[in-house]
C-alpha atoms as a PDB file:
ATOM      1  CA  UNK A   1      -8.207  12.159   5.375  1.00  0.00           C
ATOM      2  CA  UNK A   2      -8.444  14.329   1.910  1.00  0.00           C
ATOM      3  CA  UNK A   3     -11.536  16.195   3.437  1.00  0.00           C
ATOM      4  CA  UNK A   4      -9.505  17.070   6.393  1.00  0.00           C
ATOM      5  CA  UNK A   5      -6.137  17.536   5.417  1.00  0.00           C
ATOM      6  CA  UNK A   6      -6.259  18.493   1.745  1.00  0.00           C
ATOM      7  CA  UNK A   7      -5.523  15.805  -1.065  1.00  0.00           C
ATOM      8  CA  UNK A   8      -1.726  15.810  -1.396  1.00  0.00           C
ATOM      9  CA  UNK A   9      -1.663  15.795   2.723  1.00  0.00           C
ATOM     10  CA  UNK A  10      -4.083  13.100   3.235  1.00  0.00           C
ATOM     11  CA  UNK A  11      -2.868  10.939   0.515  1.00  0.00           C
ATOM     12  CA  UNK A  12       0.722  11.128   2.217  1.00  0.00           C
ATOM     13  CA  UNK A  13      -0.760  10.295   5.623  1.00  0.00           C
ATOM     14  CA  UNK A  14      -3.066   7.241   4.354  1.00  0.00           C
ATOM     15  CA  UNK A  15      -0.412   5.803   2.446  1.00  0.00           C
ATOM     16  CA  UNK A  16       2.012   6.311   5.690  1.00  0.00           C
ATOM     17  CA  UNK A  17      -0.913   4.293   8.077  1.00  0.00           C
ATOM     18  CA  UNK A  18      -0.871   1.848   5.261  1.00  0.00           C
ATOM     19  CA  UNK A  19       2.712   1.299   4.968  1.00  0.00           C
ATOM     20  CA  UNK A  20       3.293   1.008   9.121  1.00  0.00           C
ATOM     21  CA  UNK A  21       0.382  -1.555   9.019  1.00  0.00           C
ATOM     22  CA  UNK A  22       2.473  -3.338   7.181  1.00  0.00           C
ATOM     23  CA  UNK A  23       5.423  -3.229   9.418  1.00  0.00           C
ATOM     24  CA  UNK A  24       3.455  -4.141  12.258  1.00  0.00           C
ATOM     25  CA  UNK A  25       2.852  -7.706  10.896  1.00  0.00           C
ATOM     26  CA  UNK A  26       6.867  -8.558  10.749  1.00  0.00           C
ATOM     27  CA  UNK A  27       7.966  -5.500  13.644  1.00  0.00           C
ATOM     28  CA  UNK A  28      10.403  -7.814  15.602  1.00  0.00           C
ATOM     29  CA  UNK A  29      11.406 -10.199  12.740  1.00  0.00           C
ATOM     30  CA  UNK A  30      13.073  -7.698  10.621  1.00  0.00           C
ATOM     31  CA  UNK A  31      15.970  -5.294  10.199  1.00  0.00           C
ATOM     32  CA  UNK A  32      16.104  -1.772  10.255  1.00  0.00           C
ATOM     33  CA  UNK A  33      16.720  -1.503   5.998  1.00  0.00           C
ATOM     34  CA  UNK A  34      14.070  -4.843   5.278  1.00  0.00           C
ATOM     35  CA  UNK A  35      11.463  -2.776   7.578  1.00  0.00           C
ATOM     36  CA  UNK A  36      12.000   0.751   5.346  1.00  0.00           C
ATOM     37  CA  UNK A  37      11.334  -1.203   2.340  1.00  0.00           C
ATOM     38  CA  UNK A  38       8.215  -3.072   4.237  1.00  0.00           C
ATOM     39  CA  UNK A  39       6.743   0.514   5.072  1.00  0.00           C
ATOM     40  CA  UNK A  40       7.885   2.097   1.568  1.00  0.00           C
ATOM     41  CA  UNK A  41       6.702  -0.412  -0.889  1.00  0.00           C
ATOM     42  CA  UNK A  42       2.935  -0.331   0.510  1.00  0.00           C
ATOM     43  CA  UNK A  43       3.370   3.131   0.849  1.00  0.00           C
ATOM     44  CA  UNK A  44       3.939   3.408  -2.939  1.00  0.00           C
ATOM     45  CA  UNK A  45       0.795   0.887  -3.315  1.00  0.00           C
ATOM     46  CA  UNK A  46      -0.954   3.385  -1.492  1.00  0.00           C
ATOM     47  CA  UNK A  47      -0.557   6.072  -3.658  1.00  0.00           C
ATOM     48  CA  UNK A  48      -1.275   4.200  -6.715  1.00  0.00           C
ATOM     49  CA  UNK A  49      -4.229   2.851  -5.438  1.00  0.00           C
ATOM     50  CA  UNK A  50      -5.507   6.180  -4.664  1.00  0.00           C
ATOM     51  CA  UNK A  51      -4.639   7.798  -7.936  1.00  0.00           C
ATOM     52  CA  UNK A  52      -6.485   4.621  -9.115  1.00  0.00           C
ATOM     53  CA  UNK A  53      -9.576   4.967  -7.165  1.00  0.00           C
ATOM     54  CA  UNK A  54      -9.789   8.941  -7.826  1.00  0.00           C
ATOM     55  CA  UNK A  55      -8.633   9.410 -11.028  1.00  0.00           C
ATOM     56  CA  UNK A  56      -9.582   6.457 -13.088  1.00  0.00           C
ATOM     57  CA  UNK A  57     -12.808   5.210 -10.936  1.00  0.00           C
ATOM     58  CA  UNK A  58     -14.525   8.111 -10.157  1.00  0.00           C
ATOM     59  CA  UNK A  59     -13.991   7.077  -6.505  1.00  0.00           C
ATOM     60  CA  UNK A  60     -14.516   3.572  -6.546  1.00  0.00           C
ATOM     61  CA  UNK A  61     -12.655   1.348  -4.200  1.00  0.00           C
ATOM     62  CA  UNK A  62     -13.440  -1.804  -6.257  1.00  0.00           C
ATOM     63  CA  UNK A  63     -10.150  -1.228  -8.563  1.00  0.00           C
ATOM     64  CA  UNK A  64      -7.292  -0.797  -5.774  1.00  0.00           C
ATOM     65  CA  UNK A  65      -8.912  -4.118  -3.816  1.00  0.00           C
ATOM     66  CA  UNK A  66      -8.603  -5.908  -7.418  1.00  0.00           C
ATOM     67  CA  UNK A  67      -4.677  -4.338  -7.571  1.00  0.00           C
ATOM     68  CA  UNK A  68      -4.289  -5.115  -3.874  1.00  0.00           C
ATOM     69  CA  UNK A  69      -5.600  -8.937  -4.273  1.00  0.00           C
ATOM     70  CA  UNK A  70      -3.149  -8.797  -7.185  1.00  0.00           C
ATOM     71  CA  UNK A  71       0.041  -7.676  -5.530  1.00  0.00           C
ATOM     72  CA  UNK A  72      -0.510 -10.048  -2.693  1.00  0.00           C
ATOM     73  CA  UNK A  73      -0.952 -13.077  -5.258  1.00  0.00           C
ATOM     74  CA  UNK A  74       1.852 -12.107  -7.354  1.00  0.00           C
ATOM     75  CA  UNK A  75       4.499 -11.829  -3.883  1.00  0.00           C
ATOM     76  CA  UNK A  76       2.794 -15.343  -2.857  1.00  0.00           C
ATOM     77  CA  UNK A  77       3.869 -17.147  -5.763  1.00  0.00           C
ATOM     78  CA  UNK A  78       7.428 -15.342  -5.536  1.00  0.00           C
ATOM     79  CA  UNK A  79       7.764 -16.499  -2.058  1.00  0.00           C
ATOM     80  CA  UNK A  80       6.762 -19.940  -3.217  1.00  0.00           C
ATOM     81  CA  UNK A  81       9.376 -19.740  -5.879  1.00  0.00           C
ATOM     82  CA  UNK A  82       6.500 -20.086  -8.794  1.00  0.00           C
ATOM     83  CA  UNK A  83       7.099 -16.623 -10.237  1.00  0.00           C
END
């Protein structure tokens, strides 16, 4: 994305796609406000992943994967009422 649209727009576009993919998982089962949260939270996370990947890890996607897995694990624990 960044090669075609530049860094800023590439990050925004990929973050929007990432957020919308998460919305597809609950499409038809959530209201507008919840849907917006479901889009915006992953968009913010996607921007964080890009920052980690590009600025801290020399382009490696491994740290982004690890943070994504950690966030998914924490979300699972919260849904179970454990944390």
